[in-house]
Amino acid sequence: MVWTLEYTKQADKDSTKLAASPGLKAKAQELLRLIAIDPYCNPPPYEKLVGDMKGAISRRINRQHRLVYCVFKSKRLIRVLRMWTHYE
């Protein structure tokens, strides 16, 4: 069963930046496809965040950019928080 993806306003803004770079866009789309099937699939590796972003998960799009999302198991929902630069 596929998980539902929900995007924050920041993630929507980030997606327009990704669209300008074909390589990044393709990689991000592949990661989104994978997490929609299983948000905890490995590989590619993921990192559970701590501090202000505790509970969120980060995956590398490339060396600089990351896909950051939260998983809500009871609703089978994935909220995409960021898709550009390092999480803040």
C-alpha atoms as a PDB file:
ATOM      1  CA  MET A   1       0.000   0.000   0.000  1.00  0.00           C
ATOM      2  CA  VAL A   2       1.366   3.390  -1.011  1.00  0.00           C
ATOM      3  CA  TRP A   3       1.774   6.196   1.524  1.00  0.00           C
ATOM      4  CA  THR A   4       0.250   9.631   0.896  1.00  0.00           C
ATOM      5  CA  LEU A   5       2.737  12.459   0.313  1.00  0.00           C
ATOM      6  CA  GLU A   6       1.909  15.937   1.602  1.00  0.00           C
ATOM      7  CA  TYR A   7       4.137  18.944   0.886  1.00  0.00           C
ATOM      8  CA  THR A   8       4.722  21.993   3.085  1.00  0.00           C
ATOM      9  CA  LYS A   9       4.870  25.460   1.517  1.00  0.00           C
ATOM     10  CA  GLN A  10       8.659  25.361   1.856  1.00  0.00           C
ATOM     11  CA  ALA A  11       8.824  22.009   0.061  1.00  0.00           C
ATOM     12  CA  ASP A  12       6.707  23.452  -2.767  1.00  0.00           C
ATOM     13  CA  LYS A  13       9.151  26.364  -3.088  1.00  0.00           C
ATOM     14  CA  ASP A  14      12.072  23.946  -3.012  1.00  0.00           C
ATOM     15  CA  SER A  15      10.541  21.859  -5.802  1.00  0.00           C
ATOM     16  CA  THR A  16      10.657  24.848  -8.174  1.00  0.00           C
ATOM     17  CA  LYS A  17      14.375  25.187  -7.463  1.00  0.00           C
ATOM     18  CA  LEU A  18      14.867  21.479  -8.132  1.00  0.00           C
ATOM     19  CA  ALA A  19      13.009  21.765 -11.424  1.00  0.00           C
ATOM     20  CA  ALA A  20      15.746  24.081 -12.715  1.00  0.00           C
ATOM     21  CA  SER A  21      18.320  21.300 -12.301  1.00  0.00           C
ATOM     22  CA  PRO A  22      17.415  18.147 -14.261  1.00  0.00           C
ATOM     23  CA  GLY A  23      19.832  15.893 -12.367  1.00  0.00           C
ATOM     24  CA  LEU A  24      18.547  16.976  -8.963  1.00  0.00           C
ATOM     25  CA  LYS A  25      14.930  16.808 -10.058  1.00  0.00           C
ATOM     26  CA  ALA A  26      15.285  13.209 -11.257  1.00  0.00           C
ATOM     27  CA  LYS A  27      17.052  12.129  -8.066  1.00  0.00           C
ATOM     28  CA  ALA A  28      14.438  13.836  -5.853  1.00  0.00           C
ATOM     29  CA  GLN A  29      11.582  12.246  -7.821  1.00  0.00           C
ATOM     30  CA  GLU A  30      13.175   8.822  -7.392  1.00  0.00           C
ATOM     31  CA  LEU A  31      13.534   9.359  -3.622  1.00  0.00           C
ATOM     32  CA  LEU A  32       9.902  10.504  -3.377  1.00  0.00           C
ATOM     33  CA  ARG A  33       8.793   7.409  -5.301  1.00  0.00           C
ATOM     34  CA  LEU A  34      10.767   5.155  -2.938  1.00  0.00           C
ATOM     35  CA  ILE A  35       9.505   6.738   0.291  1.00  0.00           C
ATOM     36  CA  ALA A  36       5.898   6.605  -0.973  1.00  0.00           C
ATOM     37  CA  ILE A  37       6.315   2.822  -1.080  1.00  0.00           C
ATOM     38  CA  ASP A  38       8.291   2.507   2.188  1.00  0.00           C
ATOM     39  CA  PRO A  39       9.502   5.591   4.120  1.00  0.00           C
ATOM     40  CA  TYR A  40      12.114   3.482   5.925  1.00  0.00           C
ATOM     41  CA  CYS A  41      13.539   1.559   2.935  1.00  0.00           C
ATOM     42  CA  ASN A  42      17.284   1.093   2.897  1.00  0.00           C
ATOM     43  CA  PRO A  43      19.199   1.777   0.565  1.00  0.00           C
ATOM     44  CA  PRO A  44      19.468   4.672   0.076  1.00  0.00           C
ATOM     45  CA  PRO A  45      20.402   5.303   3.689  1.00  0.00           C
ATOM     46  CA  TYR A  46      18.450   7.724   5.835  1.00  0.00           C
ATOM     47  CA  GLU A  47      19.260   9.670   8.974  1.00  0.00           C
ATOM     48  CA  LYS A  48      16.894  10.355  11.871  1.00  0.00           C
ATOM     49  CA  LEU A  49      17.275  13.982  12.876  1.00  0.00           C
ATOM     50  CA  VAL A  50      17.680  15.347  16.389  1.00  0.00           C
ATOM     51  CA  GLY A  51      17.270  18.735  18.033  1.00  0.00           C
ATOM     52  CA  ASP A  52      14.691  21.085  16.531  1.00  0.00           C
ATOM     53  CA  MET A  53      13.997  18.590  13.750  1.00  0.00           C
ATOM     54  CA  LYS A  54      13.595  15.592  16.079  1.00  0.00           C
ATOM     55  CA  GLY A  55      11.319  13.002  14.542  1.00  0.00           C
ATOM     56  CA  ALA A  56      12.131  13.999  10.963  1.00  0.00           C
ATOM     57  CA  ILE A  57      14.086  11.857   8.520  1.00  0.00           C
ATOM     58  CA  SER A  58      16.703  13.103   6.074  1.00  0.00           C
ATOM     59  CA  ARG A  59      17.953  11.530   2.843  1.00  0.00           C
ATOM     60  CA  ARG A  60      20.595  12.933   0.528  1.00  0.00           C
ATOM     61  CA  ILE A  61      19.544  14.156  -2.890  1.00  0.00           C
ATOM     62  CA  ASN A  62      23.194  14.989  -3.514  1.00  0.00           C
ATOM     63  CA  ARG A  63      26.126  16.117  -1.391  1.00  0.00           C
ATOM     64  CA  GLN A  64      24.546  19.474  -0.574  1.00  0.00           C
ATOM     65  CA  HIS A  65      20.787  18.991  -0.845  1.00  0.00           C
ATOM     66  CA  ARG A  66      18.529  16.831   1.290  1.00  0.00           C
ATOM     67  CA  LEU A  67      14.995  15.528   1.323  1.00  0.00           C
ATOM     68  CA  VAL A  68      13.562  15.981   4.831  1.00  0.00           C
ATOM     69  CA  TYR A  69      10.239  14.438   5.823  1.00  0.00           C
ATOM     70  CA  CYS A  70       8.110  13.273   8.766  1.00  0.00           C
ATOM     71  CA  VAL A  71       6.196  10.004   8.897  1.00  0.00           C
ATOM     72  CA  PHE A  72       2.742   9.724  10.476  1.00  0.00           C
ATOM     73  CA  LYS A  73       2.146   5.967  10.727  1.00  0.00           C
ATOM     74  CA  SER A  74      -1.460   6.104  11.957  1.00  0.00           C
ATOM     75  CA  LYS A  75      -2.523   8.156   8.916  1.00  0.00           C
ATOM     76  CA  ARG A  76      -0.066   6.508   6.467  1.00  0.00           C
ATOM     77  CA  LEU A  77       1.060  10.044   5.652  1.00  0.00           C
ATOM     78  CA  ILE A  78       4.481  11.441   4.786  1.00  0.00           C
ATOM     79  CA  ARG A  79       4.871  15.210   5.161  1.00  0.00           C
ATOM     80  CA  VAL A  80       7.738  16.492   3.020  1.00  0.00           C
ATOM     81  CA  LEU A  81       9.338  19.429   4.838  1.00  0.00           C
ATOM     82  CA  ARG A  82      12.334  20.376   2.670  1.00  0.00           C
ATOM     83  CA  MET A  83      13.958  19.403  -0.608  1.00  0.00           C
ATOM     84  CA  TRP A  84      16.723  21.958  -0.936  1.00  0.00           C
ATOM     85  CA  THR A  85      19.962  22.786   0.875  1.00  0.00           C
ATOM     86  CA  HIS A  86      20.677  21.633   4.377  1.00  0.00           C
ATOM     87  CA  TYR A  87      17.831  21.516   6.874  1.00  0.00           C
ATOM     88  CA  GLU A  88      17.460  24.548   9.127  1.00  0.00           C
END
